[in-house]
Amino acid sequence: MAGDASSGALAAAVVEAEPLLELDGVEGVGEGATDDGAPCILLLTTAMVDLAGLPDTIGGFPVRVLDIGEPPSAFDHEAVEILELPTDVEPDCG
């Protein structure tokens, strides 16, 4: 199957690519398009991914890597504020 553009073949290639999610730095896989509009497998990665370990094609479709940067962490946000409830107030659970 050398680049069959049918949606079924592309969907099957995405399923074939899903084990890559086990690699450090691979955050997502899906259907994408190359710069010239041809269908491809899109890999969403962080800066810590080893690009040498990624395939050039999957299921006959080219692989396009999109670096999405470091995944956000709840502890990275300055807007996180710890709220303390007054101890003399009963919670309203109802």
N, C-alpha and C. Protein backbone atom coordinates (compact mmCIF):
# COMPACT_ATOMS: atom_id res chain seq x y z
N MET A 1 0.85 -1.18 0.00
CA MET A 1 0.00 0.00 0.00
C MET A 1 0.90 1.23 0.00
N ALA A 2 1.32 1.67 -1.13
CA ALA A 2 2.27 2.79 -1.22
C ALA A 2 1.53 4.10 -1.36
N GLY A 3 1.06 4.64 -0.22
CA GLY A 3 0.45 5.96 -0.22
C GLY A 3 -0.98 5.98 -0.71
N ASP A 4 -1.73 4.89 -0.57
CA ASP A 4 -3.13 4.86 -0.93
C ASP A 4 -3.85 5.97 -0.18
N ALA A 5 -4.49 6.88 -0.92
CA ALA A 5 -5.08 8.07 -0.31
C ALA A 5 -6.50 7.84 0.20
N SER A 6 -7.01 6.62 0.16
CA SER A 6 -8.35 6.38 0.67
C SER A 6 -8.40 6.64 2.16
N SER A 7 -9.55 7.13 2.62
CA SER A 7 -9.66 7.45 4.04
C SER A 7 -9.52 6.20 4.90
N GLY A 8 -9.95 5.04 4.41
CA GLY A 8 -9.80 3.80 5.17
C GLY A 8 -8.35 3.43 5.36
N ALA A 9 -7.55 3.60 4.32
CA ALA A 9 -6.12 3.28 4.42
C ALA A 9 -5.42 4.25 5.37
N LEU A 10 -5.81 5.51 5.32
CA LEU A 10 -5.20 6.50 6.22
C LEU A 10 -5.60 6.22 7.67
N ALA A 11 -6.86 5.89 7.88
CA ALA A 11 -7.31 5.56 9.24
C ALA A 11 -6.58 4.33 9.77
N ALA A 12 -6.37 3.34 8.92
CA ALA A 12 -5.63 2.14 9.32
C ALA A 12 -4.18 2.49 9.67
N ALA A 13 -3.60 3.41 8.92
CA ALA A 13 -2.22 3.83 9.19
C ALA A 13 -2.13 4.57 10.53
N VAL A 14 -3.17 5.34 10.87
CA VAL A 14 -3.19 6.02 12.17
C VAL A 14 -3.21 4.98 13.29
N VAL A 15 -4.04 3.95 13.13
CA VAL A 15 -4.08 2.88 14.13
C VAL A 15 -2.71 2.21 14.23
N GLU A 16 -2.07 2.00 13.09
CA GLU A 16 -0.73 1.39 13.08
C GLU A 16 0.28 2.29 13.80
N ALA A 17 0.06 3.60 13.78
CA ALA A 17 0.98 4.55 14.41
C ALA A 17 0.77 4.69 15.91
N GLU A 18 -0.37 4.25 16.43
CA GLU A 18 -0.69 4.47 17.84
C GLU A 18 0.34 3.91 18.82
N PRO A 19 1.02 2.79 18.54
CA PRO A 19 2.06 2.35 19.48
C PRO A 19 3.18 3.37 19.69
N LEU A 20 3.34 4.30 18.78
CA LEU A 20 4.37 5.35 18.96
C LEU A 20 4.06 6.23 20.17
N LEU A 21 2.81 6.22 20.62
CA LEU A 21 2.45 7.01 21.80
C LEU A 21 3.19 6.52 23.05
N GLU A 22 3.73 5.31 23.00
CA GLU A 22 4.50 4.77 24.13
C GLU A 22 5.90 5.39 24.21
N LEU A 23 6.36 6.04 23.14
CA LEU A 23 7.69 6.65 23.14
C LEU A 23 7.67 7.96 23.91
N ASP A 24 8.74 8.21 24.66
CA ASP A 24 8.87 9.49 25.35
C ASP A 24 8.84 10.62 24.34
N GLY A 25 7.99 11.59 24.57
CA GLY A 25 7.92 12.77 23.72
C GLY A 25 6.87 12.72 22.63
N VAL A 26 6.27 11.55 22.36
CA VAL A 26 5.20 11.49 21.38
C VAL A 26 3.88 11.65 22.14
N GLU A 27 3.20 12.76 21.88
CA GLU A 27 2.00 13.11 22.63
C GLU A 27 0.70 12.83 21.87
N GLY A 28 0.77 12.67 20.54
CA GLY A 28 -0.44 12.42 19.78
C GLY A 28 -0.14 11.92 18.38
N VAL A 29 -1.10 11.19 17.81
CA VAL A 29 -1.01 10.74 16.42
C VAL A 29 -2.35 11.02 15.77
N GLY A 30 -2.32 11.28 14.47
CA GLY A 30 -3.57 11.53 13.76
C GLY A 30 -3.33 11.69 12.28
N GLU A 31 -4.41 12.03 11.58
CA GLU A 31 -4.35 12.29 10.16
C GLU A 31 -3.91 13.73 9.94
N GLY A 32 -3.05 13.92 8.97
CA GLY A 32 -2.58 15.26 8.66
C GLY A 32 -2.38 15.41 7.17
N ALA A 33 -1.71 16.47 6.80
CA ALA A 33 -1.39 16.74 5.40
C ALA A 33 0.02 17.30 5.32
N THR A 34 0.71 16.92 4.25
CA THR A 34 2.04 17.47 4.00
C THR A 34 1.89 18.90 3.52
N ASP A 35 3.02 19.59 3.32
CA ASP A 35 2.98 20.97 2.85
C ASP A 35 2.28 21.11 1.50
N ASP A 36 2.34 20.05 0.68
CA ASP A 36 1.67 20.11 -0.63
C ASP A 36 0.26 19.54 -0.60
N GLY A 37 -0.26 19.23 0.59
CA GLY A 37 -1.65 18.78 0.73
C GLY A 37 -1.87 17.29 0.66
N ALA A 38 -0.82 16.50 0.51
CA ALA A 38 -0.97 15.05 0.46
C ALA A 38 -1.26 14.52 1.87
N PRO A 39 -2.08 13.47 1.98
CA PRO A 39 -2.37 12.92 3.30
C PRO A 39 -1.12 12.33 3.93
N CYS A 40 -1.04 12.45 5.25
CA CYS A 40 0.11 11.93 5.98
C CYS A 40 -0.32 11.55 7.38
N ILE A 41 0.60 10.91 8.09
CA ILE A 41 0.43 10.63 9.51
C ILE A 41 1.08 11.77 10.27
N LEU A 42 0.32 12.40 11.15
CA LEU A 42 0.81 13.53 11.93
C LEU A 42 1.18 13.04 13.32
N LEU A 43 2.41 13.30 13.72
CA LEU A 43 2.88 12.99 15.07
C LEU A 43 3.08 14.29 15.83
N LEU A 44 2.39 14.44 16.95
CA LEU A 44 2.57 15.61 17.81
C LEU A 44 3.60 15.23 18.86
N THR A 45 4.68 16.01 18.91
CA THR A 45 5.79 15.67 19.79
C THR A 45 6.20 16.85 20.65
N THR A 46 6.96 16.54 21.70
CA THR A 46 7.56 17.57 22.53
C THR A 46 9.03 17.65 22.18
N ALA A 47 9.69 18.62 22.73
CA ALA A 47 11.10 18.83 22.43
C ALA A 47 11.96 17.65 22.86
N MET A 48 11.46 16.81 23.76
CA MET A 48 12.29 15.73 24.28
C MET A 48 12.21 14.45 23.45
N VAL A 49 11.55 14.44 22.31
CA VAL A 49 11.44 13.22 21.50
C VAL A 49 12.73 12.99 20.71
N ASP A 50 13.08 11.70 20.55
CA ASP A 50 14.23 11.31 19.75
C ASP A 50 13.75 11.14 18.31
N LEU A 51 13.98 12.13 17.46
CA LEU A 51 13.49 12.09 16.08
C LEU A 51 14.09 10.93 15.29
N ALA A 52 15.29 10.50 15.64
CA ALA A 52 15.94 9.40 14.93
C ALA A 52 15.17 8.09 15.12
N GLY A 53 14.39 8.00 16.18
CA GLY A 53 13.64 6.78 16.46
C GLY A 53 12.28 6.73 15.79
N LEU A 54 11.92 7.77 15.03
CA LEU A 54 10.61 7.82 14.38
C LEU A 54 10.71 7.36 12.93
N PRO A 55 9.68 6.64 12.44
CA PRO A 55 9.72 6.18 11.05
C PRO A 55 9.46 7.31 10.06
N ASP A 56 9.90 7.12 8.81
CA ASP A 56 9.64 8.10 7.75
C ASP A 56 8.26 7.91 7.15
N THR A 57 7.77 6.68 7.15
CA THR A 57 6.45 6.37 6.62
C THR A 57 5.76 5.36 7.54
N ILE A 58 4.44 5.39 7.52
CA ILE A 58 3.63 4.41 8.24
C ILE A 58 2.48 4.04 7.31
N GLY A 59 2.33 2.77 7.04
CA GLY A 59 1.25 2.31 6.16
C GLY A 59 1.32 2.91 4.77
N GLY A 60 2.52 3.28 4.34
CA GLY A 60 2.69 3.86 3.02
C GLY A 60 2.50 5.37 2.98
N PHE A 61 2.16 5.98 4.10
CA PHE A 61 1.97 7.44 4.16
C PHE A 61 3.19 8.09 4.81
N PRO A 62 3.57 9.26 4.33
CA PRO A 62 4.69 9.96 4.98
C PRO A 62 4.31 10.38 6.39
N VAL A 63 5.31 10.48 7.25
CA VAL A 63 5.12 10.92 8.63
C VAL A 63 5.56 12.37 8.73
N ARG A 64 4.68 13.20 9.27
CA ARG A 64 5.00 14.61 9.52
C ARG A 64 5.05 14.81 11.03
N VAL A 65 6.14 15.40 11.50
CA VAL A 65 6.32 15.63 12.93
C VAL A 65 6.06 17.10 13.23
N LEU A 66 5.18 17.34 14.19
CA LEU A 66 4.85 18.70 14.62
C LEU A 66 5.23 18.84 16.08
N ASP A 67 6.24 19.67 16.36
CA ASP A 67 6.70 19.89 17.73
C ASP A 67 5.73 20.84 18.42
N ILE A 68 5.05 20.37 19.45
CA ILE A 68 4.08 21.20 20.17
C ILE A 68 4.69 21.82 21.42
N GLY A 69 5.99 21.59 21.63
CA GLY A 69 6.65 22.14 22.81
C GLY A 69 6.42 21.26 24.02
N GLU A 70 6.85 21.73 25.15
CA GLU A 70 6.70 20.95 26.38
C GLU A 70 5.24 20.92 26.80
N PRO A 71 4.76 19.76 27.27
CA PRO A 71 3.39 19.70 27.75
C PRO A 71 3.25 20.57 29.00
N PRO A 72 2.11 21.25 29.14
CA PRO A 72 1.93 22.11 30.32
C PRO A 72 1.76 21.29 31.58
N SER A 73 2.13 21.88 32.69
CA SER A 73 1.97 21.25 33.99
C SER A 73 1.18 22.19 34.88
N ALA A 74 0.33 21.65 35.70
CA ALA A 74 -0.47 22.48 36.60
C ALA A 74 0.42 23.28 37.55
N PHE A 75 1.62 22.77 37.79
CA PHE A 75 2.52 23.45 38.72
C PHE A 75 3.32 24.55 38.04
N ASP A 76 3.21 24.67 36.70
CA ASP A 76 3.92 25.70 35.98
C ASP A 76 3.19 27.04 35.98
N HIS A 77 1.93 27.03 36.34
CA HIS A 77 1.12 28.23 36.22
C HIS A 77 1.22 29.10 37.46
N GLU A 78 1.53 30.35 37.26
CA GLU A 78 1.61 31.29 38.38
C GLU A 78 0.24 31.61 38.94
N ALA A 79 -0.81 31.36 38.15
CA ALA A 79 -2.16 31.71 38.57
C ALA A 79 -2.76 30.71 39.55
N VAL A 80 -2.06 29.62 39.82
CA VAL A 80 -2.57 28.65 40.77
C VAL A 80 -2.54 29.27 42.16
N GLU A 81 -3.69 29.24 42.81
CA GLU A 81 -3.79 29.82 44.14
C GLU A 81 -4.42 28.79 45.06
N ILE A 82 -3.85 28.59 46.21
CA ILE A 82 -4.40 27.64 47.17
C ILE A 82 -5.40 28.39 48.03
N LEU A 83 -6.62 27.89 48.02
CA LEU A 83 -7.67 28.52 48.80
C LEU A 83 -7.90 27.72 50.07
N GLU A 84 -8.04 28.43 51.16
CA GLU A 84 -8.35 27.77 52.43
C GLU A 84 -9.76 28.17 52.82
N LEU A 85 -10.57 27.16 53.09
CA LEU A 85 -11.93 27.42 53.53
C LEU A 85 -11.93 27.72 55.03
N PRO A 86 -12.82 28.62 55.42
CA PRO A 86 -12.94 28.88 56.88
C PRO A 86 -13.34 27.59 57.61
N THR A 87 -12.77 27.38 58.77
CA THR A 87 -13.06 26.15 59.49
C THR A 87 -14.39 26.21 60.22
N ASP A 88 -14.99 27.38 60.39
CA ASP A 88 -16.24 27.49 61.11
C ASP A 88 -17.47 27.49 60.18
N VAL A 89 -17.29 27.15 58.91
CA VAL A 89 -18.38 27.13 57.95
C VAL A 89 -18.61 25.70 57.47
N GLU A 90 -19.88 25.25 57.52
CA GLU A 90 -20.24 23.93 57.03
C GLU A 90 -20.32 23.98 55.52
N PRO A 91 -19.75 22.99 54.83
CA PRO A 91 -19.85 22.98 53.38
C PRO A 91 -21.29 22.74 52.94
N ASP A 92 -21.71 23.38 51.86
CA ASP A 92 -23.05 23.23 51.29
C ASP A 92 -22.99 22.14 50.22
N CYS A 93 -23.41 20.95 50.56
CA CYS A 93 -23.33 19.82 49.64
C CYS A 93 -24.68 19.52 49.02
N GLY A 94 -25.54 20.46 49.04
CA GLY A 94 -26.83 20.07 48.66
C GLY A 94 -27.63 20.69 47.68
